Every structure is written in C-alpha cells, then in structure tokens.
C-alpha atoms as a PDB file:
ATOM      1  CA  UNK A   1       1.105   4.286   5.759  1.00  0.00           C
ATOM      2  CA  UNK A   2      -2.003   2.314   6.711  1.00  0.00           C
ATOM      3  CA  UNK A   3      -5.473   3.276   5.536  1.00  0.00           C
ATOM      4  CA  UNK A   4      -8.539   2.323   7.510  1.00  0.00           C
ATOM      5  CA  UNK A   5     -10.998   3.758   4.975  1.00  0.00           C
ATOM      6  CA  UNK A   6     -11.760   2.957   1.372  1.00  0.00           C
ATOM      7  CA  UNK A   7     -10.253   5.284  -1.205  1.00  0.00           C
ATOM      8  CA  UNK A   8     -12.749   6.206  -3.935  1.00  0.00           C
ATOM      9  CA  UNK A   9     -11.828   7.679  -7.316  1.00  0.00           C
ATOM     10  CA  UNK A  10     -14.366   9.771  -9.190  1.00  0.00           C
ATOM     11  CA  UNK A  11     -14.340  11.897 -12.303  1.00  0.00           C
ATOM     12  CA  UNK A  12     -15.861  12.012 -15.754  1.00  0.00           C
ATOM     13  CA  UNK A  13     -15.752   8.905 -17.928  1.00  0.00           C
ATOM     14  CA  UNK A  14     -12.409   8.663 -19.674  1.00  0.00           C
ATOM     15  CA  UNK A  15     -10.459  10.566 -16.993  1.00  0.00           C
ATOM     16  CA  UNK A  16      -8.422   7.472 -16.056  1.00  0.00           C
ATOM     17  CA  UNK A  17     -10.142   6.195 -12.895  1.00  0.00           C
ATOM     18  CA  UNK A  18      -9.743   2.504 -13.721  1.00  0.00           C
ATOM     19  CA  UNK A  19      -6.080   2.759 -14.715  1.00  0.00           C
ATOM     20  CA  UNK A  20      -5.098   5.027 -11.830  1.00  0.00           C
ATOM     21  CA  UNK A  21      -7.030   2.950  -9.272  1.00  0.00           C
ATOM     22  CA  UNK A  22      -5.040  -0.175 -10.224  1.00  0.00           C
ATOM     23  CA  UNK A  23      -1.730   1.688 -10.042  1.00  0.00           C
ATOM     24  CA  UNK A  24      -2.655   3.376  -6.768  1.00  0.00           C
ATOM     25  CA  UNK A  25      -3.798   0.104  -5.193  1.00  0.00           C
ATOM     26  CA  UNK A  26      -0.482  -1.451  -6.174  1.00  0.00           C
ATOM     27  CA  UNK A  27       1.432   1.511  -4.695  1.00  0.00           C
ATOM     28  CA  UNK A  28      -0.543   1.359  -1.420  1.00  0.00           C
ATOM     29  CA  UNK A  29      -0.607  -2.453  -1.300  1.00  0.00           C
ATOM     30  CA  UNK A  30      -4.414  -2.531  -1.259  1.00  0.00           C
ATOM     31  CA  UNK A  31      -6.895  -4.457  -3.355  1.00  0.00           C
ATOM     32  CA  UNK A  32      -8.869  -2.658  -6.033  1.00  0.00           C
ATOM     33  CA  UNK A  33     -12.525  -2.781  -7.078  1.00  0.00           C
ATOM     34  CA  UNK A  34     -13.851  -1.266 -10.282  1.00  0.00           C
ATOM     35  CA  UNK A  35     -17.534  -0.648  -9.480  1.00  0.00           C
ATOM     36  CA  UNK A  36     -18.734  -1.182 -13.063  1.00  0.00           C
ATOM     37  CA  UNK A  37     -16.771  -4.443 -13.425  1.00  0.00           C
ATOM     38  CA  UNK A  38     -18.032  -5.520  -9.977  1.00  0.00           C
ATOM     39  CA  UNK A  39     -21.634  -4.951 -11.093  1.00  0.00           C
ATOM     40  CA  UNK A  40     -21.078  -6.765 -14.393  1.00  0.00           C
ATOM     41  CA  UNK A  41     -19.547  -9.753 -12.635  1.00  0.00           C
ATOM     42  CA  UNK A  42     -22.279 -10.092 -10.014  1.00  0.00           C
ATOM     43  CA  UNK A  43     -25.120  -9.394 -12.433  1.00  0.00           C
ATOM     44  CA  UNK A  44     -23.559 -11.629 -15.107  1.00  0.00           C
ATOM     45  CA  UNK A  45     -24.194  -9.043 -17.829  1.00  0.00           C
ATOM     46  CA  UNK A  46     -22.697  -5.818 -19.157  1.00  0.00           C
ATOM     47  CA  UNK A  47     -23.488  -2.264 -18.087  1.00  0.00           C
ATOM     48  CA  UNK A  48     -24.505  -1.669 -21.721  1.00  0.00           C
ATOM     49  CA  UNK A  49     -27.063  -4.517 -21.499  1.00  0.00           C
ATOM     50  CA  UNK A  50     -28.453  -3.201 -18.203  1.00  0.00           C
ATOM     51  CA  UNK A  51     -28.906   0.263 -19.743  1.00  0.00           C
ATOM     52  CA  UNK A  52     -30.468  -1.219 -22.914  1.00  0.00           C
ATOM     53  CA  UNK A  53     -32.892  -3.590 -21.204  1.00  0.00           C
ATOM     54  CA  UNK A  54     -33.759  -1.922 -17.895  1.00  0.00           C
ATOM     55  CA  UNK A  55     -32.722   1.722 -18.281  1.00  0.00           C
ATOM     56  CA  UNK A  56     -30.495   4.159 -16.447  1.00  0.00           C
ATOM     57  CA  UNK A  57     -32.757   4.555 -13.387  1.00  0.00           C
ATOM     58  CA  UNK A  58     -32.589   0.798 -12.723  1.00  0.00           C
ATOM     59  CA  UNK A  59     -28.815   0.833 -13.198  1.00  0.00           C
ATOM     60  CA  UNK A  60     -28.397   3.730 -10.732  1.00  0.00           C
ATOM     61  CA  UNK A  61     -30.331   1.809  -8.041  1.00  0.00           C
ATOM     62  CA  UNK A  62     -28.225  -1.284  -8.692  1.00  0.00           C
ATOM     63  CA  UNK A  63     -25.073   0.851  -8.528  1.00  0.00           C
ATOM     64  CA  UNK A  64     -26.111   2.299  -5.149  1.00  0.00           C
ATOM     65  CA  UNK A  65     -26.862  -1.158  -3.738  1.00  0.00           C
ATOM     66  CA  UNK A  66     -23.474  -2.556  -4.802  1.00  0.00           C
ATOM     67  CA  UNK A  67     -21.702   0.559  -3.544  1.00  0.00           C
ATOM     68  CA  UNK A  68     -23.239  -0.033  -0.113  1.00  0.00           C
ATOM     69  CA  UNK A  69     -21.988  -3.637  -0.173  1.00  0.00           C
ATOM     70  CA  UNK A  70     -18.473  -2.431  -0.956  1.00  0.00           C
ATOM     71  CA  UNK A  71     -18.615   0.093   1.871  1.00  0.00           C
ATOM     72  CA  UNK A  72     -19.386  -2.733   4.314  1.00  0.00           C
ATOM     73  CA  UNK A  73     -16.185  -4.603   3.449  1.00  0.00           C
ATOM     74  CA  UNK A  74     -13.838  -4.578   6.449  1.00  0.00           C
ATOM     75  CA  UNK A  75     -10.504  -4.151   4.680  1.00  0.00           C
ATOM     76  CA  UNK A  76      -9.934  -0.871   2.833  1.00  0.00           C
ATOM     77  CA  UNK A  77     -10.013  -0.949  -0.969  1.00  0.00           C
ATOM     78  CA  UNK A  78      -9.199   1.462  -3.752  1.00  0.00           C
ATOM     79  CA  UNK A  79     -12.530   1.795  -5.578  1.00  0.00           C
ATOM     80  CA  UNK A  80     -12.936   3.147  -9.089  1.00  0.00           C
ATOM     81  CA  UNK A  81     -16.440   4.597  -9.383  1.00  0.00           C
ATOM     82  CA  UNK A  82     -18.540   5.097 -12.479  1.00  0.00           C
ATOM     83  CA  UNK A  83     -18.533   8.669 -13.799  1.00  0.00           C
ATOM     84  CA  UNK A  84     -22.029   9.363 -12.499  1.00  0.00           C
ATOM     85  CA  UNK A  85     -22.035   7.318  -9.296  1.00  0.00           C
ATOM     86  CA  UNK A  86     -21.704  10.247  -6.895  1.00  0.00           C
ATOM     87  CA  UNK A  87     -24.475  12.211  -8.650  1.00  0.00           C
ATOM     88  CA  UNK A  88     -27.284   9.837  -7.662  1.00  0.00           C
ATOM     89  CA  UNK A  89     -29.154   8.830  -4.532  1.00  0.00           C
ATOM     90  CA  UNK A  90     -27.143   9.492  -1.366  1.00  0.00           C
ATOM     91  CA  UNK A  91     -23.943   8.060  -2.841  1.00  0.00           C
ATOM     92  CA  UNK A  92     -21.826  11.200  -2.432  1.00  0.00           C
ATOM     93  CA  UNK A  93     -22.638  11.599   1.261  1.00  0.00           C
ATOM     94  CA  UNK A  94     -22.128   7.886   2.002  1.00  0.00           C
ATOM     95  CA  UNK A  95     -18.776   7.840   0.226  1.00  0.00           C
ATOM     96  CA  UNK A  96     -17.525  10.981   1.964  1.00  0.00           C
ATOM     97  CA  UNK A  97     -18.568   9.672   5.392  1.00  0.00           C
ATOM     98  CA  UNK A  98     -17.066   6.229   4.889  1.00  0.00           C
ATOM     99  CA  UNK A  99     -13.999   6.866   2.781  1.00  0.00           C
ATOM    100  CA  UNK A 100     -11.662   9.305   1.090  1.00  0.00           C
ATOM    101  CA  UNK A 101     -12.983  10.670  -2.208  1.00  0.00           C
ATOM    102  CA  UNK A 102     -10.513  11.686  -4.919  1.00  0.00           C
ATOM    103  CA  UNK A 103     -11.618  13.626  -7.999  1.00  0.00           C
ATOM    104  CA  UNK A 104      -9.555  13.233 -11.166  1.00  0.00           C
ATOM    105  CA  UNK A 105     -10.104  16.503 -13.016  1.00  0.00           C
ATOM    106  CA  UNK A 106      -9.378  16.375 -16.746  1.00  0.00           C
ATOM    107  CA  UNK A 107     -10.159  19.178 -19.220  1.00  0.00           C
ATOM    108  CA  UNK A 108     -12.937  18.811 -21.810  1.00  0.00           C
ATOM    109  CA  UNK A 109     -10.433  18.715 -24.681  1.00  0.00           C
ATOM    110  CA  UNK A 110      -8.642  15.691 -23.211  1.00  0.00           C
ATOM    111  CA  UNK A 111     -11.873  13.893 -22.308  1.00  0.00           C
ATOM    112  CA  UNK A 112     -13.123  14.377 -25.864  1.00  0.00           C
ATOM    113  CA  UNK A 113      -9.891  12.959 -27.326  1.00  0.00           C
ATOM    114  CA  UNK A 114     -10.115   9.885 -25.099  1.00  0.00           C
ATOM    115  CA  UNK A 115     -13.842   9.280 -25.643  1.00  0.00           C
ATOM    116  CA  UNK A 116     -14.007   9.980 -29.389  1.00  0.00           C
ATOM    117  CA  UNK A 117     -12.896   6.452 -30.266  1.00  0.00           C
ATOM    118  CA  UNK A 118     -14.667   4.015 -32.602  1.00  0.00           C
ATOM    119  CA  UNK A 119     -14.526   1.178 -30.031  1.00  0.00           C
ATOM    120  CA  UNK A 120     -16.122   3.220 -27.231  1.00  0.00           C
ATOM    121  CA  UNK A 121     -18.620   1.016 -25.336  1.00  0.00           C
ATOM    122  CA  UNK A 122     -20.055   3.560 -22.891  1.00  0.00           C
ATOM    123  CA  UNK A 123     -23.874   3.443 -22.754  1.00  0.00           C
ATOM    124  CA  UNK A 124     -24.396   7.200 -22.421  1.00  0.00           C
ATOM    125  CA  UNK A 125     -22.256   7.862 -25.508  1.00  0.00           C
ATOM    126  CA  UNK A 126     -23.983   5.472 -27.922  1.00  0.00           C
ATOM    127  CA  UNK A 127     -23.992   6.854 -31.471  1.00  0.00           C
ATOM    128  CA  UNK A 128     -22.446  10.204 -30.473  1.00  0.00           C
ATOM    129  CA  UNK A 129     -19.611  11.476 -32.671  1.00  0.00           C
ATOM    130  CA  UNK A 130     -17.599  14.646 -33.146  1.00  0.00           C
ATOM    131  CA  UNK A 131     -19.563  17.831 -32.257  1.00  0.00           C
ATOM    132  CA  UNK A 132     -22.492  15.880 -30.765  1.00  0.00           C
ATOM    133  CA  UNK A 133     -20.080  14.015 -28.510  1.00  0.00           C
ATOM    134  CA  UNK A 134     -18.201  17.174 -27.537  1.00  0.00           C
ATOM    135  CA  UNK A 135     -21.480  18.948 -26.686  1.00  0.00           C
ATOM    136  CA  UNK A 136     -22.701  15.983 -24.647  1.00  0.00           C
ATOM    137  CA  UNK A 137     -19.443  15.792 -22.683  1.00  0.00           C
ATOM    138  CA  UNK A 138     -19.524  19.535 -22.067  1.00  0.00           C
ATOM    139  CA  UNK A 139     -23.124  19.488 -20.784  1.00  0.00           C
ATOM    140  CA  UNK A 140     -22.684  16.360 -18.632  1.00  0.00           C
ATOM    141  CA  UNK A 141     -19.419  17.650 -17.207  1.00  0.00           C
ATOM    142  CA  UNK A 142     -21.074  20.941 -16.267  1.00  0.00           C
ATOM    143  CA  UNK A 143     -23.933  19.014 -14.628  1.00  0.00           C
ATOM    144  CA  UNK A 144     -21.607  16.715 -12.658  1.00  0.00           C
ATOM    145  CA  UNK A 145     -18.870  19.172 -11.674  1.00  0.00           C
ATOM    146  CA  UNK A 146     -20.690  20.434  -8.546  1.00  0.00           C
ATOM    147  CA  UNK A 147     -20.683  16.829  -7.289  1.00  0.00           C
ATOM    148  CA  UNK A 148     -17.068  16.131  -8.303  1.00  0.00           C
ATOM    149  CA  UNK A 149     -15.849  19.305  -6.631  1.00  0.00           C
ATOM    150  CA  UNK A 150     -17.087  18.078  -3.244  1.00  0.00           C
ATOM    151  CA  UNK A 151     -14.360  15.440  -3.181  1.00  0.00           C
ATOM    152  CA  UNK A 152     -11.873  15.488  -0.329  1.00  0.00           C
ATOM    153  CA  UNK A 153      -8.962  15.752  -2.775  1.00  0.00           C
ATOM    154  CA  UNK A 154      -8.893  17.185  -6.306  1.00  0.00           C
ATOM    155  CA  UNK A 155      -6.236  15.798  -8.638  1.00  0.00           C
ATOM    156  CA  UNK A 156      -5.003  17.344 -11.877  1.00  0.00           C
ATOM    157  CA  UNK A 157      -5.596  14.556 -14.395  1.00  0.00           C
ATOM    158  CA  UNK A 158      -2.812  15.878 -16.639  1.00  0.00           C
ATOM    159  CA  UNK A 159      -0.168  15.581 -13.906  1.00  0.00           C
ATOM    160  CA  UNK A 160      -1.195  12.461 -12.061  1.00  0.00           C
ATOM    161  CA  UNK A 161       0.822   9.525 -10.761  1.00  0.00           C
ATOM    162  CA  UNK A 162       0.210   6.922  -8.073  1.00  0.00           C
ATOM    163  CA  UNK A 163       3.205   8.331  -6.180  1.00  0.00           C
ATOM    164  CA  UNK A 164       1.810  11.888  -6.141  1.00  0.00           C
ATOM    165  CA  UNK A 165      -1.644  10.615  -5.113  1.00  0.00           C
ATOM    166  CA  UNK A 166      -0.113   8.641  -2.243  1.00  0.00           C
ATOM    167  CA  UNK A 167       1.471  11.849  -0.942  1.00  0.00           C
ATOM    168  CA  UNK A 168      -1.872  13.681  -1.239  1.00  0.00           C
ATOM    169  CA  UNK A 169      -3.571  10.873   0.710  1.00  0.00           C
ATOM    170  CA  UNK A 170      -0.942  10.871   3.447  1.00  0.00           C
ATOM    171  CA  UNK A 171      -1.287  14.653   3.754  1.00  0.00           C
ATOM    172  CA  UNK A 172      -5.076  14.377   3.898  1.00  0.00           C
ATOM    173  CA  UNK A 173      -4.986  11.610   6.491  1.00  0.00           C
ATOM    174  CA  UNK A 174      -2.657  13.644   8.736  1.00  0.00           C
ATOM    175  CA  UNK A 175      -5.034  16.627   8.605  1.00  0.00           C
ATOM    176  CA  UNK A 176      -8.087  14.410   9.089  1.00  0.00           C
ATOM    177  CA  UNK A 177      -6.772  12.791  12.298  1.00  0.00           C
END
C-alpha cells in the first residue's frame, strides 16, 4: 500500500516511538526521521544542551520550525516525534492536517520501568529518581493525554508490532479516502 502522507508517532517518552518508527518504516518501505535526532544533527548539539543553555521554550520553537520543514518534504516519511511535540504551538493541528498521527499508549507502570534507568539522558527527567520520577511521569502524562488522545489511531503499547500498525494504517487510509 502506498502512503501519500507522513506517518507521525507520538506518545510519552519511553513508549517506544523511536524503535517502532524504524521497524514501521522498514515494513512500509519508507524512510524514517527521528525529530530529536534531526534537531541535534542540524543544530550540531544535543537536546540536553539546548535545554541547559537556552531553555525549554527555545527548544519548543526550534522543534516547531523543524517539524514544519519535515512536513514540506515531498516523499512520505515515518516520523518519531518528541514526547511533548504535539502539546506546543500549533503542532497537533498541523500534523493532523498533513499526516496520520499514531499514539503509542503505554501504562504508567511500564513507562516508569523504562525511564527509571541510571543512563537516562532526557532533559525533563534530570535528577529524578524513584517516587519523584513516578510522580513526574504521572503528572506529565495526565497533562499530555488530552493531546495524545486526539491522534487518528491509538495503539496499545503492550501489544504493538510493525505488522499490526501497518494493518491499522491501511484500515485508516481506506476510511479516510
């Protein structure tokens, strides 16, 4: 099946967007873009450094600008978004108008297990451990869920595979046409 729109993956940090986007792109024979890696490459610095030196507000503007550049690409891509991308500026509306938005829904317990790692490099989680981390995830997830739930397709993060997502996309595209 051919796709004429970008396919965007959203969900809380640690839900598997980057991994699933690569597998899905391979399954659909499309190229993949990880928005955070794209920003790091073009800015020649890390997301962590951007947060540390210029702050989250600056990063969110940068994120929106690069998202718009991706949306202008002619060929469709599978795009892994940052966990908060759709919660800022007009990103959610732009993505939904110009692509298919998939939400990978993963329970708090599983997110906590994945994010409670000593090598975690996520700027919003700096120095958070155990109960502090669990509380932060719970609050942020509650704040972001209304955005996530506006996705075209909601995927159960515990039962996800590129094959099952491809079927969901084909189904969606048939209904959308």
